[in-house]
Amino acid sequence: MTNHRRVRLACEPSLKRISLDKILPLRKVLPGARTSIKYRRIAASIQEVGIIEPLVVFPQTSTSEKYILLDGHFRYDVLNESGESDVDCLVALDDEAFTYNHKVNRLTPIQEHFMIMKAVKNGVSEQAIAAALGVDVSKIREKKNLLVGICPEAVQLLKGKKAHAGAIRLLRKARPIRQIEMVELMSASHNFTVDYVKCLLAATPQDQLIESEQSKEVDGLSSTDMARMEREMEAISSDFKQIEDTYGKNVLNLVIVVAYLKTLLDNARVVRYLAGNYAELLTEFQKTVESRTLSEVPTER
């Protein structure tokens, strides 16, 4: 008979309306923090649309009506400053004050773009979105136009990647085929920075660029340097793709070899024979077996 393990909830299943004077923050919000961009955005969002993410609290004691604030100190401070008396809260079942922010997945620029596009499609104005986020409307338009000139295949490859918005915008200087190649290189190297994309653009042949020669200009590099960089990057890109194609097979072979060597070295007679006749080879075998990067096989979690 199968045992069904029940997942333990982190909070009570329903929100609870709690008076602000019964909530005890773990830290004070300093005056300097109230001028930060993050604080001002939270304040603008609460003013425009109210509390979206509830405060997380934990009962101080079983007999007390006070609650310790685990998450939401900026939201709590904004509500206090605006004169609110109570707020909807999630009541945690454990006093884990340092885990909630670790469970938050930050939006990537592409996810922000699609969220803004969906809001606009549903009738929300750019001005309303900017007011809710506490930013200038030009920033919303910039995010809205992020993928203009980027081919769909490159966008699909970038989904879920924490690529810098400036790096994504630079891709539009290249033709679609080159955009895909550049994104593949970015993904393979886990480098989504503006500087890396600039290097890839500088190494891109002119016939694969949309803009003029000016798009390839890099401070401090002559035309000869640029041509040499093009050739070197093309060779590196080719080598990188070949390595990526064979990496999985090579790692599998290495894991099998290491497992076989471990079996051999577990045999005392084999070890004695190698020590007496091939000491150098035995040393290399032992180093290989002790290598953590080769012997550890990933396990499912």
C-alpha atoms as a PDB file:
ATOM      1  CA  MET A   1       0.000   0.000   0.000  1.00  0.00           C
ATOM      2  CA  THR A   2       1.408   3.355  -1.033  1.00  0.00           C
ATOM      3  CA  ASN A   3       2.089   5.948   1.656  1.00  0.00           C
ATOM      4  CA  HIS A   4       0.918   9.406   0.572  1.00  0.00           C
ATOM      5  CA  ARG A   5       3.122  12.016   2.202  1.00  0.00           C
ATOM      6  CA  ARG A   6       1.251  15.249   2.785  1.00  0.00           C
ATOM      7  CA  VAL A   7       3.038  18.496   2.034  1.00  0.00           C
ATOM      8  CA  ARG A   8       3.165  20.708   5.101  1.00  0.00           C
ATOM      9  CA  LEU A   9       1.820  24.232   4.565  1.00  0.00           C
ATOM     10  CA  ALA A  10       4.097  27.161   5.362  1.00  0.00           C
ATOM     11  CA  CYS A  11       1.200  29.496   6.227  1.00  0.00           C
ATOM     12  CA  GLU A  12      -2.420  29.344   7.278  1.00  0.00           C
ATOM     13  CA  PRO A  13      -4.648  28.769   4.220  1.00  0.00           C
ATOM     14  CA  SER A  14      -6.535  32.075   4.492  1.00  0.00           C
ATOM     15  CA  LEU A  15      -5.538  35.711   5.000  1.00  0.00           C
ATOM     16  CA  LYS A  16      -6.067  37.368   8.353  1.00  0.00           C
ATOM     17  CA  ARG A  17      -6.875  41.046   8.859  1.00  0.00           C
ATOM     18  CA  ILE A  18      -4.528  42.358  11.563  1.00  0.00           C
ATOM     19  CA  SER A  19      -4.191  45.789  13.130  1.00  0.00           C
ATOM     20  CA  LEU A  20      -0.836  47.430  12.335  1.00  0.00           C
ATOM     21  CA  ASP A  21      -0.239  48.257  16.013  1.00  0.00           C
ATOM     22  CA  LYS A  22      -0.256  44.508  16.783  1.00  0.00           C
ATOM     23  CA  ILE A  23       2.526  43.801  14.266  1.00  0.00           C
ATOM     24  CA  LEU A  24       6.085  43.990  15.595  1.00  0.00           C
ATOM     25  CA  PRO A  25       8.737  44.570  12.882  1.00  0.00           C
ATOM     26  CA  LEU A  26      12.080  42.838  13.306  1.00  0.00           C
ATOM     27  CA  ARG A  27      13.951  45.907  12.089  1.00  0.00           C
ATOM     28  CA  LYS A  28      13.365  49.608  11.525  1.00  0.00           C
ATOM     29  CA  VAL A  29      13.264  51.175   8.096  1.00  0.00           C
ATOM     30  CA  LEU A  30      15.922  53.891   8.170  1.00  0.00           C
ATOM     31  CA  PRO A  31      15.127  57.367   6.795  1.00  0.00           C
ATOM     32  CA  GLY A  32      17.659  56.881   4.002  1.00  0.00           C
ATOM     33  CA  ALA A  33      15.878  53.748   2.804  1.00  0.00           C
ATOM     34  CA  ARG A  34      12.693  55.737   2.215  1.00  0.00           C
ATOM     35  CA  THR A  35      14.418  57.602  -0.614  1.00  0.00           C
ATOM     36  CA  SER A  36      15.544  54.408  -2.385  1.00  0.00           C
ATOM     37  CA  ILE A  37      14.063  53.395  -5.734  1.00  0.00           C
ATOM     38  CA  LYS A  38      12.729  50.129  -4.294  1.00  0.00           C
ATOM     39  CA  TYR A  39      10.893  51.897  -1.450  1.00  0.00           C
ATOM     40  CA  ARG A  40       9.408  54.550  -3.757  1.00  0.00           C
ATOM     41  CA  ARG A  41       8.179  51.878  -6.175  1.00  0.00           C
ATOM     42  CA  ILE A  42       6.487  49.964  -3.370  1.00  0.00           C
ATOM     43  CA  ALA A  43       4.883  53.181  -2.096  1.00  0.00           C
ATOM     44  CA  ALA A  44       3.627  54.083  -5.585  1.00  0.00           C
ATOM     45  CA  SER A  45       2.269  50.569  -6.145  1.00  0.00           C
ATOM     46  CA  ILE A  46       0.373  50.582  -2.824  1.00  0.00           C
ATOM     47  CA  GLN A  47      -1.041  54.030  -3.578  1.00  0.00           C
ATOM     48  CA  GLU A  48      -2.233  53.003  -7.056  1.00  0.00           C
ATOM     49  CA  VAL A  49      -3.431  49.392  -6.613  1.00  0.00           C
ATOM     50  CA  GLY A  50      -3.111  48.609  -2.889  1.00  0.00           C
ATOM     51  CA  ILE A  51      -1.303  45.689  -1.279  1.00  0.00           C
ATOM     52  CA  ILE A  52      -0.632  42.937  -3.836  1.00  0.00           C
ATOM     53  CA  GLU A  53       1.679  40.755  -1.750  1.00  0.00           C
ATOM     54  CA  PRO A  54       0.439  40.297   1.855  1.00  0.00           C
ATOM     55  CA  LEU A  55       2.696  40.788   4.845  1.00  0.00           C
ATOM     56  CA  VAL A  56       3.976  37.557   6.409  1.00  0.00           C
ATOM     57  CA  VAL A  57       3.659  37.428  10.204  1.00  0.00           C
ATOM     58  CA  PHE A  58       4.123  34.896  12.994  1.00  0.00           C
ATOM     59  CA  PRO A  59       2.261  34.867  16.363  1.00  0.00           C
ATOM     60  CA  GLN A  60       4.589  36.093  19.117  1.00  0.00           C
ATOM     61  CA  THR A  61       3.193  33.595  21.627  1.00  0.00           C
ATOM     62  CA  SER A  62       0.192  31.332  21.823  1.00  0.00           C
ATOM     63  CA  THR A  63      -1.481  33.659  24.337  1.00  0.00           C
ATOM     64  CA  SER A  64      -0.458  37.037  22.904  1.00  0.00           C
ATOM     65  CA  GLU A  65      -2.321  38.952  20.192  1.00  0.00           C
ATOM     66  CA  LYS A  66       0.952  40.378  18.881  1.00  0.00           C
ATOM     67  CA  TYR A  67       2.589  39.196  15.664  1.00  0.00           C
ATOM     68  CA  ILE A  68       6.232  39.297  14.554  1.00  0.00           C
ATOM     69  CA  LEU A  69       6.702  40.688  11.044  1.00  0.00           C
ATOM     70  CA  LEU A  70       8.733  38.180   9.021  1.00  0.00           C
ATOM     71  CA  ASP A  71       8.462  39.670   5.537  1.00  0.00           C
ATOM     72  CA  GLY A  72       7.239  43.022   4.200  1.00  0.00           C
ATOM     73  CA  HIS A  73       9.013  45.702   6.259  1.00  0.00           C
ATOM     74  CA  PHE A  74       8.865  48.307   3.471  1.00  0.00           C
ATOM     75  CA  ARG A  75       5.159  47.608   2.872  1.00  0.00           C
ATOM     76  CA  TYR A  76       4.500  47.831   6.606  1.00  0.00           C
ATOM     77  CA  ASP A  77       6.353  51.155   6.821  1.00  0.00           C
ATOM     78  CA  VAL A  78       4.488  52.603   3.821  1.00  0.00           C
ATOM     79  CA  LEU A  79       1.138  51.624   5.354  1.00  0.00           C
ATOM     80  CA  ASN A  80       2.123  53.173   8.697  1.00  0.00           C
ATOM     81  CA  GLU A  81       3.276  56.392   7.034  1.00  0.00           C
ATOM     82  CA  SER A  82       0.038  56.643   5.042  1.00  0.00           C
ATOM     83  CA  GLY A  83      -2.095  56.262   8.174  1.00  0.00           C
ATOM     84  CA  GLU A  84      -3.594  52.821   7.496  1.00  0.00           C
ATOM     85  CA  SER A  85      -4.921  50.977  10.547  1.00  0.00           C
ATOM     86  CA  ASP A  86      -4.918  47.307   9.468  1.00  0.00           C
ATOM     87  CA  VAL A  87      -3.806  45.011   6.659  1.00  0.00           C
ATOM     88  CA  ASP A  88      -4.359  41.495   5.298  1.00  0.00           C
ATOM     89  CA  CYS A  89      -1.564  39.131   6.377  1.00  0.00           C
ATOM     90  CA  LEU A  90      -0.374  35.607   5.822  1.00  0.00           C
ATOM     91  CA  VAL A  91       0.135  33.934   9.199  1.00  0.00           C
ATOM     92  CA  ALA A  92       3.211  31.702   9.019  1.00  0.00           C
ATOM     93  CA  LEU A  93       3.328  28.372  10.816  1.00  0.00           C
ATOM     94  CA  ASP A  94       7.097  28.599  11.357  1.00  0.00           C
ATOM     95  CA  ASP A  95       9.269  31.476  12.508  1.00  0.00           C
ATOM     96  CA  GLU A  96      11.544  31.436   9.462  1.00  0.00           C
ATOM     97  CA  ALA A  97      12.365  35.081   9.028  1.00  0.00           C
ATOM     98  CA  PHE A  98      15.199  34.558   6.596  1.00  0.00           C
ATOM     99  CA  THR A  99      13.669  32.229   4.028  1.00  0.00           C
ATOM    100  CA  TYR A 100      10.888  34.136   2.293  1.00  0.00           C
ATOM    101  CA  ASN A 101      13.017  36.330   0.053  1.00  0.00           C
ATOM    102  CA  HIS A 102      14.993  33.247  -0.968  1.00  0.00           C
ATOM    103  CA  LYS A 103      11.810  31.751  -2.420  1.00  0.00           C
ATOM    104  CA  VAL A 104      11.181  34.743  -4.719  1.00  0.00           C
ATOM    105  CA  ASN A 105      12.078  34.366  -8.398  1.00  0.00           C
ATOM    106  CA  ARG A 106      12.949  37.758  -9.856  1.00  0.00           C
ATOM    107  CA  LEU A 107      11.415  38.681 -13.190  1.00  0.00           C
ATOM    108  CA  THR A 108      13.686  38.640 -16.219  1.00  0.00           C
ATOM    109  CA  PRO A 109      13.508  41.581 -18.690  1.00  0.00           C
ATOM    110  CA  ILE A 110      11.632  39.403 -21.198  1.00  0.00           C
ATOM    111  CA  GLN A 111       9.069  38.368 -18.564  1.00  0.00           C
ATOM    112  CA  GLU A 112       8.602  42.055 -17.671  1.00  0.00           C
ATOM    113  CA  HIS A 113       8.050  42.815 -21.355  1.00  0.00           C
ATOM    114  CA  PHE A 114       5.332  40.173 -21.754  1.00  0.00           C
ATOM    115  CA  MET A 115       3.606  41.262 -18.527  1.00  0.00           C
ATOM    116  CA  ILE A 116       3.494  44.880 -19.708  1.00  0.00           C
ATOM    117  CA  MET A 117       2.236  43.827 -23.148  1.00  0.00           C
ATOM    118  CA  LYS A 118      -0.522  41.747 -21.517  1.00  0.00           C
ATOM    119  CA  ALA A 119      -1.542  44.651 -19.265  1.00  0.00           C
ATOM    120  CA  VAL A 120      -1.689  47.036 -22.239  1.00  0.00           C
ATOM    121  CA  LYS A 121      -3.723  44.489 -24.214  1.00  0.00           C
ATOM    122  CA  ASN A 122      -6.170  44.311 -21.296  1.00  0.00           C
ATOM    123  CA  GLY A 123      -6.676  48.061 -21.430  1.00  0.00           C
ATOM    124  CA  VAL A 124      -4.212  49.328 -18.810  1.00  0.00           C
ATOM    125  CA  SER A 125      -2.512  52.516 -19.988  1.00  0.00           C
ATOM    126  CA  GLU A 126       1.252  52.990 -20.011  1.00  0.00           C
ATOM    127  CA  GLN A 127       0.793  55.907 -17.609  1.00  0.00           C
ATOM    128  CA  ALA A 128      -1.113  53.722 -15.121  1.00  0.00           C
ATOM    129  CA  ILE A 129       1.570  51.021 -15.236  1.00  0.00           C
ATOM    130  CA  ALA A 130       4.305  53.626 -14.730  1.00  0.00           C
ATOM    131  CA  ALA A 131       2.437  55.141 -11.785  1.00  0.00           C
ATOM    132  CA  ALA A 132       1.941  51.714 -10.163  1.00  0.00           C
ATOM    133  CA  LEU A 133       5.643  50.919 -10.491  1.00  0.00           C
ATOM    134  CA  GLY A 134       6.818  54.389  -9.541  1.00  0.00           C
ATOM    135  CA  VAL A 135       8.828  54.914 -12.740  1.00  0.00           C
ATOM    136  CA  ASP A 136       8.769  57.329 -15.657  1.00  0.00           C
ATOM    137  CA  VAL A 137       6.466  56.343 -18.517  1.00  0.00           C
ATOM    138  CA  SER A 138       9.480  56.317 -20.869  1.00  0.00           C
ATOM    139  CA  LYS A 139      10.831  53.316 -18.908  1.00  0.00           C
ATOM    140  CA  ILE A 140       7.590  51.423 -19.515  1.00  0.00           C
ATOM    141  CA  ARG A 141       7.773  52.196 -23.238  1.00  0.00           C
ATOM    142  CA  GLU A 142      11.389  51.028 -23.257  1.00  0.00           C
ATOM    143  CA  LYS A 143      10.397  47.716 -21.671  1.00  0.00           C
ATOM    144  CA  LYS A 144       7.401  47.449 -23.995  1.00  0.00           C
ATOM    145  CA  ASN A 145       9.610  47.828 -27.090  1.00  0.00           C
ATOM    146  CA  LEU A 146      12.358  45.544 -25.757  1.00  0.00           C
ATOM    147  CA  LEU A 147      11.862  42.807 -28.365  1.00  0.00           C
ATOM    148  CA  VAL A 148      11.364  45.037 -31.404  1.00  0.00           C
ATOM    149  CA  GLY A 149      13.778  43.778 -34.055  1.00  0.00           C
ATOM    150  CA  ILE A 150      14.566  40.527 -32.204  1.00  0.00           C
ATOM    151  CA  CYS A 151      13.649  37.370 -34.111  1.00  0.00           C
ATOM    152  CA  PRO A 152      11.156  34.959 -32.441  1.00  0.00           C
ATOM    153  CA  GLU A 153      13.693  32.100 -32.348  1.00  0.00           C
ATOM    154  CA  ALA A 154      16.168  34.241 -30.383  1.00  0.00           C
ATOM    155  CA  VAL A 155      13.389  35.346 -28.020  1.00  0.00           C
ATOM    156  CA  GLN A 156      12.436  31.711 -27.404  1.00  0.00           C
ATOM    157  CA  LEU A 157      16.056  30.863 -26.552  1.00  0.00           C
ATOM    158  CA  LEU A 158      16.260  33.814 -24.155  1.00  0.00           C
ATOM    159  CA  LYS A 159      13.071  32.977 -22.229  1.00  0.00           C
ATOM    160  CA  GLY A 160      13.891  32.332 -18.595  1.00  0.00           C
ATOM    161  CA  LYS A 161      17.456  33.605 -19.006  1.00  0.00           C
ATOM    162  CA  LYS A 162      18.602  36.503 -16.834  1.00  0.00           C
ATOM    163  CA  ALA A 163      19.845  38.495 -19.792  1.00  0.00           C
ATOM    164  CA  HIS A 164      20.542  42.196 -19.333  1.00  0.00           C
ATOM    165  CA  ALA A 165      17.967  44.349 -21.131  1.00  0.00           C
ATOM    166  CA  GLY A 166      20.760  46.339 -22.780  1.00  0.00           C
ATOM    167  CA  ALA A 167      22.271  43.099 -24.124  1.00  0.00           C
ATOM    168  CA  ILE A 168      18.921  42.077 -25.614  1.00  0.00           C
ATOM    169  CA  ARG A 169      18.517  45.455 -27.310  1.00  0.00           C
ATOM    170  CA  LEU A 170      21.981  45.149 -28.884  1.00  0.00           C
ATOM    171  CA  LEU A 171      20.920  41.932 -30.641  1.00  0.00           C
ATOM    172  CA  ARG A 172      18.738  43.909 -33.025  1.00  0.00           C
ATOM    173  CA  LYS A 173      21.906  45.211 -34.715  1.00  0.00           C
ATOM    174  CA  ALA A 174      22.463  41.732 -36.168  1.00  0.00           C
ATOM    175  CA  ARG A 175      20.444  39.813 -38.726  1.00  0.00           C
ATOM    176  CA  PRO A 176      18.110  37.035 -37.440  1.00  0.00           C
ATOM    177  CA  ILE A 177      20.477  34.121 -38.183  1.00  0.00           C
ATOM    178  CA  ARG A 178      23.316  35.872 -36.376  1.00  0.00           C
ATOM    179  CA  GLN A 179      20.987  36.769 -33.461  1.00  0.00           C
ATOM    180  CA  ILE A 180      20.291  33.065 -32.950  1.00  0.00           C
ATOM    181  CA  GLU A 181      24.013  32.231 -33.083  1.00  0.00           C
ATOM    182  CA  MET A 182      24.815  34.971 -30.575  1.00  0.00           C
ATOM    183  CA  VAL A 183      22.105  33.837 -28.137  1.00  0.00           C
ATOM    184  CA  GLU A 184      23.334  30.238 -28.399  1.00  0.00           C
ATOM    185  CA  LEU A 185      26.860  31.405 -27.527  1.00  0.00           C
ATOM    186  CA  MET A 186      25.520  33.531 -24.660  1.00  0.00           C
ATOM    187  CA  SER A 187      23.558  30.568 -23.292  1.00  0.00           C
ATOM    188  CA  ALA A 188      26.439  28.127 -23.660  1.00  0.00           C
ATOM    189  CA  SER A 189      28.830  30.442 -21.831  1.00  0.00           C
ATOM    190  CA  HIS A 190      26.179  31.645 -19.320  1.00  0.00           C
ATOM    191  CA  ASN A 191      27.198  35.206 -20.162  1.00  0.00           C
ATOM    192  CA  PHE A 192      24.344  37.611 -20.906  1.00  0.00           C
ATOM    193  CA  THR A 193      26.146  40.891 -20.285  1.00  0.00           C
ATOM    194  CA  VAL A 194      26.228  43.976 -22.493  1.00  0.00           C
ATOM    195  CA  ASP A 195      30.021  43.787 -22.874  1.00  0.00           C
ATOM    196  CA  TYR A 196      29.882  40.198 -24.134  1.00  0.00           C
ATOM    197  CA  VAL A 197      27.242  41.044 -26.743  1.00  0.00           C
ATOM    198  CA  LYS A 198      29.343  44.016 -27.865  1.00  0.00           C
ATOM    199  CA  CYS A 199      32.276  41.644 -28.392  1.00  0.00           C
ATOM    200  CA  LEU A 200      30.070  39.261 -30.370  1.00  0.00           C
ATOM    201  CA  LEU A 201      28.859  42.156 -32.526  1.00  0.00           C
ATOM    202  CA  ALA A 202      32.422  43.340 -33.086  1.00  0.00           C
ATOM    203  CA  ALA A 203      33.316  39.841 -34.279  1.00  0.00           C
ATOM    204  CA  THR A 204      30.290  39.597 -36.577  1.00  0.00           C
ATOM    205  CA  PRO A 205      30.932  39.781 -40.351  1.00  0.00           C
ATOM    206  CA  GLN A 206      29.550  42.970 -41.906  1.00  0.00           C
ATOM    207  CA  ASP A 207      27.080  41.090 -44.117  1.00  0.00           C
ATOM    208  CA  GLN A 208      25.404  39.703 -40.974  1.00  0.00           C
ATOM    209  CA  LEU A 209      24.788  43.161 -39.509  1.00  0.00           C
ATOM    210  CA  ILE A 210      21.787  45.382 -40.173  1.00  0.00           C
ATOM    211  CA  GLU A 211      23.434  48.720 -39.426  1.00  0.00           C
ATOM    212  CA  SER A 212      26.431  50.421 -41.034  1.00  0.00           C
ATOM    213  CA  GLU A 213      30.130  49.996 -40.232  1.00  0.00           C
ATOM    214  CA  GLN A 214      29.617  52.299 -37.238  1.00  0.00           C
ATOM    215  CA  SER A 215      27.770  49.503 -35.416  1.00  0.00           C
ATOM    216  CA  LYS A 216      31.033  47.583 -35.200  1.00  0.00           C
ATOM    217  CA  GLU A 217      33.161  50.395 -33.825  1.00  0.00           C
ATOM    218  CA  VAL A 218      34.851  49.635 -30.517  1.00  0.00           C
ATOM    219  CA  ASP A 219      36.996  52.190 -28.725  1.00  0.00           C
ATOM    220  CA  GLY A 220      40.726  51.501 -28.992  1.00  0.00           C
ATOM    221  CA  LEU A 221      40.477  48.938 -31.826  1.00  0.00           C
ATOM    222  CA  SER A 222      41.672  49.600 -35.372  1.00  0.00           C
ATOM    223  CA  SER A 223      40.081  48.058 -38.465  1.00  0.00           C
ATOM    224  CA  THR A 224      42.953  45.534 -38.558  1.00  0.00           C
ATOM    225  CA  ASP A 225      42.293  44.590 -34.932  1.00  0.00           C
ATOM    226  CA  MET A 226      38.599  44.207 -35.689  1.00  0.00           C
ATOM    227  CA  ALA A 227      39.290  41.913 -38.664  1.00  0.00           C
ATOM    228  CA  ARG A 228      41.615  39.745 -36.553  1.00  0.00           C
ATOM    229  CA  MET A 229      39.052  39.655 -33.756  1.00  0.00           C
ATOM    230  CA  GLU A 230      36.403  38.525 -36.256  1.00  0.00           C
ATOM    231  CA  ARG A 231      38.527  35.586 -37.375  1.00  0.00           C
ATOM    232  CA  GLU A 232      39.468  34.581 -33.828  1.00  0.00           C
ATOM    233  CA  MET A 233      35.888  34.781 -32.540  1.00  0.00           C
ATOM    234  CA  GLU A 234      34.645  32.748 -35.494  1.00  0.00           C
ATOM    235  CA  ALA A 235      37.207  30.038 -34.725  1.00  0.00           C
ATOM    236  CA  ILE A 236      36.383  30.135 -30.994  1.00  0.00           C
ATOM    237  CA  SER A 237      32.650  29.927 -31.705  1.00  0.00           C
ATOM    238  CA  SER A 238      33.167  26.897 -33.939  1.00  0.00           C
ATOM    239  CA  ASP A 239      35.352  25.158 -31.319  1.00  0.00           C
ATOM    240  CA  PHE A 240      32.883  26.028 -28.560  1.00  0.00           C
ATOM    241  CA  LYS A 241      29.955  24.490 -30.427  1.00  0.00           C
ATOM    242  CA  GLN A 242      31.933  21.322 -31.147  1.00  0.00           C
ATOM    243  CA  ILE A 243      32.852  20.978 -27.479  1.00  0.00           C
ATOM    244  CA  GLU A 244      29.233  21.597 -26.450  1.00  0.00           C
ATOM    245  CA  ASP A 245      28.018  18.879 -28.852  1.00  0.00           C
ATOM    246  CA  THR A 246      30.420  16.253 -27.447  1.00  0.00           C
ATOM    247  CA  TYR A 247      30.465  17.338 -23.794  1.00  0.00           C
ATOM    248  CA  GLY A 248      27.662  15.062 -22.571  1.00  0.00           C
ATOM    249  CA  LYS A 249      29.067  11.980 -24.299  1.00  0.00           C
ATOM    250  CA  ASN A 250      32.582  12.674 -22.989  1.00  0.00           C
ATOM    251  CA  VAL A 251      31.378  13.133 -19.415  1.00  0.00           C
ATOM    252  CA  LEU A 252      29.423   9.865 -19.587  1.00  0.00           C
ATOM    253  CA  ASN A 253      32.510   8.039 -20.872  1.00  0.00           C
ATOM    254  CA  LEU A 254      34.639   9.561 -18.102  1.00  0.00           C
ATOM    255  CA  VAL A 255      32.157   8.510 -15.409  1.00  0.00           C
ATOM    256  CA  ILE A 256      32.204   4.930 -16.750  1.00  0.00           C
ATOM    257  CA  VAL A 257      36.012   4.927 -16.847  1.00  0.00           C
ATOM    258  CA  VAL A 258      36.242   6.241 -13.273  1.00  0.00           C
ATOM    259  CA  ALA A 259      33.808   3.590 -12.036  1.00  0.00           C
ATOM    260  CA  TYR A 260      35.889   0.886 -13.738  1.00  0.00           C
ATOM    261  CA  LEU A 261      39.133   2.242 -12.252  1.00  0.00           C
ATOM    262  CA  LYS A 262      37.575   2.288  -8.776  1.00  0.00           C
ATOM    263  CA  THR A 263      36.670  -1.380  -9.191  1.00  0.00           C
ATOM    264  CA  LEU A 264      40.242  -2.199 -10.221  1.00  0.00           C
ATOM    265  CA  LEU A 265      41.792  -0.270  -7.335  1.00  0.00           C
ATOM    266  CA  ASP A 266      39.505  -2.027  -4.859  1.00  0.00           C
ATOM    267  CA  ASN A 267      41.339  -5.224  -5.778  1.00  0.00           C
ATOM    268  CA  ALA A 268      44.454  -5.544  -3.570  1.00  0.00           C
ATOM    269  CA  ARG A 269      46.237  -7.872  -6.018  1.00  0.00           C
ATOM    270  CA  VAL A 270      45.833  -5.357  -8.867  1.00  0.00           C
ATOM    271  CA  VAL A 271      47.123  -2.528  -6.698  1.00  0.00           C
ATOM    272  CA  ARG A 272      50.183  -4.566  -5.607  1.00  0.00           C
ATOM    273  CA  TYR A 273      50.943  -5.482  -9.217  1.00  0.00           C
ATOM    274  CA  LEU A 274      50.657  -1.870 -10.421  1.00  0.00           C
ATOM    275  CA  ALA A 275      52.724  -0.593  -7.481  1.00  0.00           C
ATOM    276  CA  GLY A 276      55.519  -3.060  -8.281  1.00  0.00           C
ATOM    277  CA  ASN A 277      55.530  -2.662 -12.059  1.00  0.00           C
ATOM    278  CA  TYR A 278      53.746   0.562 -13.034  1.00  0.00           C
ATOM    279  CA  ALA A 279      53.988   2.920 -10.046  1.00  0.00           C
ATOM    280  CA  GLU A 280      53.510   6.070 -12.139  1.00  0.00           C
ATOM    281  CA  LEU A 281      50.415   4.640 -13.795  1.00  0.00           C
ATOM    282  CA  LEU A 282      48.970   3.676 -10.404  1.00  0.00           C
ATOM    283  CA  THR A 283      49.459   7.244  -9.179  1.00  0.00           C
ATOM    284  CA  GLU A 284      47.579   8.631 -12.185  1.00  0.00           C
ATOM    285  CA  PHE A 285      44.759   6.108 -11.707  1.00  0.00           C
ATOM    286  CA  GLN A 286      44.432   7.136  -8.051  1.00  0.00           C
ATOM    287  CA  LYS A 287      44.326  10.831  -8.968  1.00  0.00           C
ATOM    288  CA  THR A 288      41.613  10.160 -11.522  1.00  0.00           C
ATOM    289  CA  VAL A 289      39.501   8.155  -9.063  1.00  0.00           C
ATOM    290  CA  GLU A 290      39.863  10.842  -6.370  1.00  0.00           C
ATOM    291  CA  SER A 291      38.754  13.603  -8.734  1.00  0.00           C
ATOM    292  CA  ARG A 292      35.354  14.773  -7.443  1.00  0.00           C
ATOM    293  CA  THR A 293      34.364  16.371 -10.769  1.00  0.00           C
ATOM    294  CA  LEU A 294      34.592  13.004 -12.534  1.00  0.00           C
ATOM    295  CA  SER A 295      33.488  10.502  -9.938  1.00  0.00           C
ATOM    296  CA  GLU A 296      30.369  12.250  -8.662  1.00  0.00           C
ATOM    297  CA  VAL A 297      27.323  11.417 -10.698  1.00  0.00           C
ATOM    298  CA  PRO A 298      24.441  13.959 -10.418  1.00  0.00           C
ATOM    299  CA  THR A 299      21.435  12.592  -8.557  1.00  0.00           C
ATOM    300  CA  GLU A 300      17.802  13.608  -8.766  1.00  0.00           C
ATOM    301  CA  ARG A 301      16.558  15.919  -6.056  1.00  0.00           C
END
